[in-house]
Amino acid sequence: MHAVRDLLAGNAPLVLSIGGLLLGCAFGATVFASNYCAMGALSDIHSFGDFRRFRAWVLAAATALAGTQLLQLLGVVPLERSVYLAPGLNWAGHSLGGALLGFGMVFAGGCPSRNLARAGAGDLRALISLLVLGLVAYMTTGGIFAYPRVYLEKATGIAVAASTQSLGELLGRLGGLPRTSGDILVATSLLLAAGAYCFADKAFRASPRHVLSGLTVGIIVVAGWGLTGLAYDEMATRPLPPTSLTYVRPTGDALEWLTRFSAAPLPGFGAASVIGALIGAFAAARAMGRFRIVSYADTSDTLRNLSGAALMGVGGIMALGCTVGQAVTGLSTLAAGSFLTFAAIVCGGLCGLHVLERQVLT
């Protein structure tokens, strides 16, 4: 293991670039081929009472949780170094940002990851939405929208009584347990609950496409943690914290990389995973004979998609992630903020569906 770590850490930029590209390809192909979609999951519930895609989402998070916690126990990935487990909990950013992202994804025709799959399959609406998403994400990170975001974070952020915001550590402190024991206890409880919720449903068990999509997305997220964890070098001049798939800030990073290629030929892990997702979705669409060039139907369709993309850009940065970046990758770390974001995304998405339905009916 030490030899592998030394090899990967010694060539981190190249390893993370290639690894991000390959994992992104696998993710994009999976999302397109299986129709895995968080917004679609909420739409199925709202319109048909069908929970299968939502259960696939929960299964992806549970799979990622199991694999990621195992990697931490084996010493492969130092999760405490990730952005998700910061000791400060920005409850307003997670709740409001998650709600904005959930609401916006309804009007943009899907979350950031779904728009990557659609764009790879020839949907120009999704491609333009990604451009707007990336631009607004950067405006919220360090541009004109950064000032109100930072002010809100300072005004509403709270410091948890622990070195991280891991639910396992928080529970361990209450019960007098070490963090590792707390993590194992919380992770095991969540895995049992998620497994019961998913597989107690006969319709979900009888749908291999939904089961496999959830398992595959979760495994890809675990692979991302493993790769970035092994490539992490805390002694580096600028250590790159371990992470896995997330698609709001990295979409902006990909746009920046395209404009600065001559200065930085290798994209980072996030930007590479965005490019990979487009390539993977394109390959899957071509293989399945479903690649089609699609554009806006009318002016209202254009405004609806672009406004949704802008809301996702703001919300995703405030919440530190999206339906994958927080609701799967973040949850796998047991970060309290990730669970808050997941709930906010669901609430925002269901609210967005009600608003959109009223608009269509009127």
Protein backbone atom coordinates (compact mmCIF):
# COMPACT_ATOMS: atom_id res chain seq x y z
CA MET A 1 0.00 0.00 0.00
CA HIS A 2 2.83 2.41 0.83
CA ALA A 3 4.45 1.80 -2.57
CA VAL A 4 1.16 2.50 -4.34
CA ARG A 5 0.60 5.64 -2.30
CA ASP A 6 4.11 6.91 -3.01
CA LEU A 7 3.67 6.25 -6.73
CA LEU A 8 0.30 8.02 -6.94
CA ALA A 9 1.25 10.92 -4.66
CA GLY A 10 4.50 11.41 -6.58
CA ASN A 11 2.56 11.80 -9.83
CA ALA A 12 -0.60 13.33 -8.37
CA PRO A 13 -1.48 15.83 -11.15
CA LEU A 14 -1.32 13.18 -13.89
CA VAL A 15 -2.97 10.47 -11.77
CA LEU A 16 -5.85 12.71 -10.71
CA SER A 17 -6.38 13.99 -14.23
CA ILE A 18 -6.52 10.53 -15.82
CA GLY A 19 -8.44 9.04 -12.90
CA GLY A 20 -11.01 11.82 -12.92
CA LEU A 21 -11.48 11.41 -16.66
CA LEU A 22 -12.02 7.64 -16.43
CA LEU A 23 -14.35 7.82 -13.43
CA GLY A 24 -16.27 10.63 -15.11
CA CYS A 25 -16.66 8.50 -18.24
CA ALA A 26 -18.04 5.62 -16.19
CA PHE A 27 -20.40 7.95 -14.35
CA GLY A 28 -21.70 9.69 -17.49
CA ALA A 29 -22.31 6.38 -19.26
CA THR A 30 -24.11 4.97 -16.20
CA VAL A 31 -26.33 8.00 -15.74
CA PHE A 32 -27.36 8.08 -19.39
CA ALA A 33 -27.81 4.34 -19.91
CA SER A 34 -29.78 3.76 -16.68
CA ASN A 35 -31.68 7.08 -16.60
CA TYR A 36 -30.37 7.63 -13.08
CA CYS A 37 -31.57 11.09 -12.07
CA ALA A 38 -32.29 12.79 -8.75
CA MET A 39 -34.76 15.26 -10.25
CA GLY A 40 -36.41 12.42 -12.15
CA ALA A 41 -36.70 10.52 -8.88
CA LEU A 42 -38.64 13.36 -7.28
CA SER A 43 -40.73 13.80 -10.43
CA ASP A 44 -41.65 10.10 -10.37
CA ILE A 45 -42.79 10.45 -6.76
CA HIS A 46 -44.73 13.65 -7.43
CA SER A 47 -46.45 12.48 -10.61
CA PHE A 48 -46.79 8.71 -10.29
CA GLY A 49 -46.03 7.73 -6.70
CA ASP A 50 -43.09 5.69 -8.07
CA PHE A 51 -40.18 5.55 -5.59
CA ARG A 52 -37.82 3.29 -7.55
CA ARG A 53 -35.47 6.01 -8.80
CA PHE A 54 -35.47 7.62 -5.38
CA ARG A 55 -34.50 4.27 -3.87
CA ALA A 56 -31.71 4.02 -6.45
CA TRP A 57 -30.47 7.40 -5.19
CA VAL A 58 -30.60 6.17 -1.58
CA LEU A 59 -28.83 2.95 -2.58
CA ALA A 60 -26.06 4.96 -4.28
CA ALA A 61 -25.55 6.95 -1.09
CA ALA A 62 -25.57 3.79 1.05
CA THR A 63 -23.08 2.04 -1.24
CA ALA A 64 -20.80 5.05 -1.19
CA LEU A 65 -21.12 5.26 2.60
CA ALA A 66 -20.14 1.61 3.09
CA GLY A 67 -17.16 1.75 0.74
CA THR A 68 -15.89 5.14 1.88
CA GLN A 69 -16.02 4.29 5.57
CA LEU A 70 -14.16 1.04 4.83
CA LEU A 71 -11.46 3.01 3.00
CA GLN A 72 -11.13 5.27 6.03
CA LEU A 73 -10.79 2.30 8.39
CA LEU A 74 -8.07 0.85 6.16
CA GLY A 75 -6.20 4.15 6.20
CA VAL A 76 -6.62 4.72 2.46
CA VAL A 77 -8.36 8.09 2.67
CA PRO A 78 -8.12 10.72 5.44
CA LEU A 79 -11.73 11.91 5.33
CA GLU A 80 -11.07 14.51 8.02
CA ARG A 81 -9.05 16.42 5.40
CA SER A 82 -12.03 16.71 3.07
CA VAL A 83 -14.09 19.89 2.76
CA TYR A 84 -17.20 18.09 4.01
CA LEU A 85 -15.94 17.46 7.54
CA ALA A 86 -14.88 21.01 8.40
CA PRO A 87 -15.66 21.72 12.08
CA GLY A 88 -17.79 24.73 11.17
CA LEU A 89 -21.38 23.97 10.14
CA ASN A 90 -22.92 26.52 7.79
CA TRP A 91 -26.51 25.50 8.41
CA ALA A 92 -28.04 28.36 6.39
CA GLY A 93 -25.81 27.66 3.39
CA HIS A 94 -26.63 23.97 3.42
CA SER A 95 -30.38 24.47 3.83
CA LEU A 96 -30.91 27.50 1.60
CA GLY A 97 -28.32 26.40 -0.96
CA GLY A 98 -29.72 22.89 -1.11
CA ALA A 99 -33.25 24.24 -1.56
CA LEU A 100 -32.13 26.57 -4.37
CA LEU A 101 -30.34 23.73 -6.12
CA GLY A 102 -33.34 21.42 -5.74
CA PHE A 103 -35.73 24.08 -7.02
CA GLY A 104 -33.42 25.05 -9.88
CA MET A 105 -32.83 21.51 -11.12
CA VAL A 106 -36.55 21.14 -11.82
CA PHE A 107 -36.53 24.14 -14.18
CA ALA A 108 -33.18 23.15 -15.73
CA GLY A 109 -34.43 19.69 -16.64
CA GLY A 110 -32.19 17.91 -14.13
CA CYS A 111 -29.37 18.31 -11.65
CA PRO A 112 -25.82 19.13 -12.84
CA SER A 113 -24.91 15.47 -13.34
CA ARG A 114 -28.06 14.80 -15.34
CA ASN A 115 -27.39 17.84 -17.51
CA LEU A 116 -23.91 16.47 -18.22
CA ALA A 117 -25.48 13.23 -19.43
CA ARG A 118 -28.03 15.11 -21.54
CA ALA A 119 -25.39 17.40 -23.03
CA GLY A 120 -23.22 14.42 -23.95
CA ALA A 121 -26.21 12.94 -25.75
CA GLY A 122 -26.67 16.06 -27.89
CA ASP A 123 -29.03 18.23 -25.85
CA LEU A 124 -27.92 21.81 -26.51
CA ARG A 125 -30.23 23.11 -23.78
CA ALA A 126 -28.28 21.11 -21.22
CA LEU A 127 -24.96 22.25 -22.66
CA ILE A 128 -25.91 25.93 -22.37
CA SER A 129 -27.30 25.31 -18.88
CA LEU A 130 -23.91 23.90 -17.89
CA LEU A 131 -22.18 27.02 -19.23
CA VAL A 132 -24.49 29.22 -17.16
CA LEU A 133 -24.11 26.93 -14.15
CA GLY A 134 -20.32 27.06 -14.32
CA LEU A 135 -20.25 30.84 -14.74
CA VAL A 136 -22.66 31.51 -11.87
CA ALA A 137 -20.81 29.00 -9.68
CA TYR A 138 -17.61 31.00 -10.15
CA MET A 139 -19.47 34.26 -9.55
CA THR A 140 -20.69 32.81 -6.26
CA THR A 141 -17.29 31.40 -5.30
CA GLY A 142 -15.16 34.49 -5.75
CA GLY A 143 -17.13 36.92 -7.90
CA ILE A 144 -19.93 39.38 -7.39
CA PHE A 145 -22.16 36.92 -5.52
CA ALA A 146 -19.35 35.94 -3.15
CA TYR A 147 -19.92 38.92 -0.82
CA PRO A 148 -23.48 38.05 0.25
CA ARG A 149 -22.55 34.36 0.40
CA VAL A 150 -19.61 34.97 2.74
CA TYR A 151 -21.67 37.37 4.85
CA LEU A 152 -24.39 34.74 5.27
CA GLU A 153 -21.82 32.09 6.19
CA LYS A 154 -20.26 34.31 8.86
CA ALA A 155 -23.64 35.32 10.23
CA THR A 156 -25.14 31.84 10.46
CA GLY A 157 -22.18 29.43 10.72
CA ILE A 158 -21.77 27.54 13.96
CA ALA A 159 -18.78 25.68 15.38
CA VAL A 160 -19.56 22.11 16.41
CA ALA A 161 -18.07 20.81 19.63
CA ALA A 162 -15.70 18.43 17.84
CA SER A 163 -12.76 18.43 15.45
CA THR A 164 -15.09 17.51 12.57
CA GLN A 165 -18.82 17.61 11.88
CA SER A 166 -18.98 13.83 11.43
CA LEU A 167 -22.13 12.39 12.95
CA GLY A 168 -20.02 9.52 14.21
CA GLU A 169 -17.70 11.84 16.10
CA LEU A 170 -20.57 13.89 17.49
CA LEU A 171 -22.33 10.75 18.69
CA GLY A 172 -19.07 9.37 20.07
CA ARG A 173 -18.52 12.48 22.15
CA LEU A 174 -22.02 12.25 23.58
CA GLY A 175 -21.55 8.58 24.43
CA GLY A 176 -17.90 8.74 25.42
CA LEU A 177 -16.77 6.69 22.41
CA PRO A 178 -13.77 7.23 20.12
CA ARG A 179 -14.57 8.67 16.71
CA THR A 180 -13.91 5.38 14.92
CA SER A 181 -16.46 3.56 17.07
CA GLY A 182 -18.95 6.36 16.58
CA ASP A 183 -18.48 6.28 12.81
CA ILE A 184 -18.97 2.51 12.71
CA LEU A 185 -22.10 2.71 14.85
CA VAL A 186 -23.71 5.50 12.83
CA ALA A 187 -22.68 4.04 9.45
CA THR A 188 -23.99 0.58 10.36
CA SER A 189 -27.31 1.99 11.53
CA LEU A 190 -27.73 4.04 8.36
CA LEU A 191 -26.77 1.13 6.12
CA LEU A 192 -29.29 -1.18 7.77
CA ALA A 193 -32.02 1.46 7.48
CA ALA A 194 -31.17 2.24 3.83
CA GLY A 195 -31.01 -1.45 2.91
CA ALA A 196 -34.38 -2.11 4.50
CA TYR A 197 -35.92 0.92 2.82
CA CYS A 198 -34.62 0.02 -0.63
CA PHE A 199 -35.04 -3.74 -0.76
CA ALA A 200 -38.26 -4.05 1.22
CA ASP A 201 -39.96 -2.69 -1.91
CA LYS A 202 -40.90 -5.44 -4.35
CA ALA A 203 -41.01 -3.12 -7.36
CA PHE A 204 -37.44 -1.93 -6.67
CA ARG A 205 -36.14 -5.47 -6.18
CA ALA A 206 -37.72 -6.47 -9.49
CA SER A 207 -35.99 -3.64 -11.38
CA PRO A 208 -32.34 -4.57 -12.10
CA ARG A 209 -31.79 -1.26 -13.89
CA HIS A 210 -32.54 0.77 -10.77
CA VAL A 211 -30.62 -1.53 -8.44
CA LEU A 212 -27.54 -1.62 -10.66
CA SER A 213 -27.58 2.14 -11.28
CA GLY A 214 -27.57 2.85 -7.55
CA LEU A 215 -24.80 0.33 -6.87
CA THR A 216 -22.69 1.56 -9.79
CA VAL A 217 -22.91 5.25 -8.91
CA GLY A 218 -22.00 4.44 -5.30
CA ILE A 219 -19.01 2.33 -6.36
CA ILE A 220 -17.72 5.07 -8.66
CA VAL A 221 -17.87 7.55 -5.78
CA VAL A 222 -15.91 5.11 -3.59
CA ALA A 223 -13.31 4.76 -6.36
CA GLY A 224 -12.98 8.54 -6.45
CA TRP A 225 -12.30 8.65 -2.72
CA GLY A 226 -9.77 5.85 -3.04
CA LEU A 227 -7.90 7.53 -5.87
CA THR A 228 -7.73 10.99 -4.33
CA GLY A 229 -7.01 9.54 -0.90
CA LEU A 230 -4.00 7.59 -2.13
CA ALA A 231 -2.76 10.59 -4.12
CA TYR A 232 -3.07 12.91 -1.11
CA ASP A 233 0.27 14.21 0.16
CA GLU A 234 0.03 16.39 3.25
CA MET A 235 3.70 17.33 2.85
CA ALA A 236 3.13 18.85 -0.59
CA THR A 237 3.46 22.61 -1.06
CA ARG A 238 -0.27 22.81 -1.83
CA PRO A 239 -1.90 19.56 -0.69
CA LEU A 240 -4.97 18.58 -2.71
CA PRO A 241 -7.63 17.44 -0.21
CA PRO A 242 -9.25 14.08 -0.95
CA THR A 243 -12.60 14.27 -2.65
CA SER A 244 -14.82 12.40 -5.08
CA LEU A 245 -17.51 13.18 -7.63
CA THR A 246 -19.26 16.54 -7.44
CA TYR A 247 -20.44 18.68 -10.33
CA VAL A 248 -21.10 22.33 -9.49
CA ARG A 249 -17.74 23.98 -8.78
CA PRO A 250 -15.94 21.46 -11.08
CA THR A 251 -18.13 22.59 -14.00
CA GLY A 252 -16.71 26.08 -13.53
CA ASP A 253 -13.24 24.56 -13.15
CA ALA A 254 -13.66 22.79 -16.49
CA LEU A 255 -14.61 26.04 -18.20
CA GLU A 256 -11.61 27.76 -16.65
CA TRP A 257 -9.32 24.94 -17.77
CA LEU A 258 -10.55 25.29 -21.35
CA THR A 259 -9.58 28.96 -21.31
CA ARG A 260 -6.20 28.42 -19.61
CA PHE A 261 -5.05 25.18 -21.23
CA SER A 262 -1.68 26.55 -22.32
CA ALA A 263 -0.88 27.52 -18.71
CA ALA A 264 -2.20 24.31 -17.11
CA PRO A 265 -2.38 21.42 -19.62
CA LEU A 266 -3.63 18.90 -17.06
CA PRO A 267 -7.15 19.44 -15.67
CA GLY A 268 -7.72 18.76 -11.99
CA PHE A 269 -9.72 15.77 -10.77
CA GLY A 270 -13.03 17.66 -10.74
CA ALA A 271 -12.65 19.29 -14.15
CA ALA A 272 -11.47 15.99 -15.65
CA SER A 273 -14.51 14.19 -14.22
CA VAL A 274 -16.80 16.77 -15.86
CA ILE A 275 -15.16 16.22 -19.24
CA GLY A 276 -15.24 12.48 -18.68
CA ALA A 277 -18.97 12.53 -17.90
CA LEU A 278 -19.65 14.26 -21.21
CA ILE A 279 -17.54 11.72 -23.08
CA GLY A 280 -19.11 8.76 -21.27
CA ALA A 281 -22.65 9.97 -21.96
CA PHE A 282 -21.76 10.61 -25.60
CA ALA A 283 -20.35 7.09 -25.99
CA ALA A 284 -23.41 5.53 -24.33
CA ALA A 285 -25.83 7.58 -26.44
CA ARG A 286 -24.06 6.60 -29.66
CA ALA A 287 -23.89 2.95 -28.67
CA MET A 288 -27.61 2.92 -27.84
CA GLY A 289 -28.58 4.86 -30.97
CA ARG A 290 -30.00 7.70 -28.88
CA PHE A 291 -27.73 10.61 -29.76
CA ARG A 292 -29.95 13.49 -30.91
CA ILE A 293 -29.35 17.22 -31.32
CA VAL A 294 -32.08 18.96 -29.31
CA SER A 295 -32.62 22.67 -28.74
CA TYR A 296 -35.07 24.99 -27.01
CA ALA A 297 -38.76 24.78 -27.90
CA ASP A 298 -39.51 28.47 -27.33
CA THR A 299 -38.61 31.55 -25.31
CA SER A 300 -40.24 30.29 -22.11
CA ASP A 301 -38.32 27.04 -22.39
CA THR A 302 -35.09 29.01 -22.74
CA LEU A 303 -35.78 31.26 -19.75
CA ARG A 304 -36.89 28.33 -17.62
CA ASN A 305 -33.74 26.31 -18.27
CA LEU A 306 -31.31 29.20 -17.84
CA SER A 307 -32.92 30.47 -14.63
CA GLY A 308 -32.82 26.94 -13.22
CA ALA A 309 -29.14 26.63 -14.13
CA ALA A 310 -28.34 29.94 -12.42
CA LEU A 311 -30.13 28.86 -9.24
CA MET A 312 -28.16 25.61 -9.24
CA GLY A 313 -24.91 27.54 -9.62
CA VAL A 314 -25.65 29.69 -6.59
CA GLY A 315 -27.19 26.91 -4.52
CA GLY A 316 -24.51 24.35 -5.29
CA ILE A 317 -21.71 26.63 -4.07
CA MET A 318 -23.62 27.66 -0.96
CA ALA A 319 -24.33 24.03 -0.09
CA LEU A 320 -20.85 22.79 -1.11
CA GLY A 321 -22.24 20.29 -3.59
CA CYS A 322 -25.11 18.86 -5.58
CA THR A 323 -27.25 15.72 -5.72
CA VAL A 324 -24.03 13.75 -6.18
CA GLY A 325 -21.48 16.00 -4.51
CA GLN A 326 -23.43 16.27 -1.25
CA ALA A 327 -26.24 13.69 -1.38
CA VAL A 328 -23.87 10.81 -2.26
CA THR A 329 -20.22 11.88 -1.91
CA GLY A 330 -20.82 14.11 1.11
CA LEU A 331 -23.12 11.63 2.85
CA SER A 332 -20.42 8.98 2.58
CA THR A 333 -18.29 11.03 5.02
CA LEU A 334 -21.13 11.19 7.59
CA ALA A 335 -20.92 15.00 7.48
CA ALA A 336 -23.86 16.65 9.25
CA GLY A 337 -24.05 19.36 6.57
CA SER A 338 -24.45 16.76 3.83
CA PHE A 339 -27.56 15.27 5.46
CA LEU A 340 -29.00 18.76 5.86
CA THR A 341 -28.28 19.50 2.20
CA PHE A 342 -29.88 16.24 1.05
CA ALA A 343 -33.10 17.06 2.90
CA ALA A 344 -33.08 20.62 1.53
CA ILE A 345 -32.57 19.40 -2.06
CA VAL A 346 -35.56 17.07 -1.75
CA CYS A 347 -37.75 19.81 -0.28
CA GLY A 348 -36.64 22.35 -2.89
CA GLY A 349 -37.17 19.86 -5.71
CA LEU A 350 -40.69 18.94 -4.62
CA CYS A 351 -41.54 22.64 -4.24
CA GLY A 352 -40.16 23.30 -7.73
CA LEU A 353 -42.30 20.52 -9.18
CA HIS A 354 -45.44 22.05 -7.64
CA VAL A 355 -44.57 25.48 -9.07
CA LEU A 356 -43.77 24.09 -12.51
CA GLU A 357 -46.99 22.10 -12.55
CA ARG A 358 -49.03 25.22 -11.79
CA GLN A 359 -47.22 27.12 -14.55
CA VAL A 360 -47.97 24.39 -17.07
CA LEU A 361 -51.63 24.16 -16.08
CA THR A 362 -52.10 27.91 -16.31
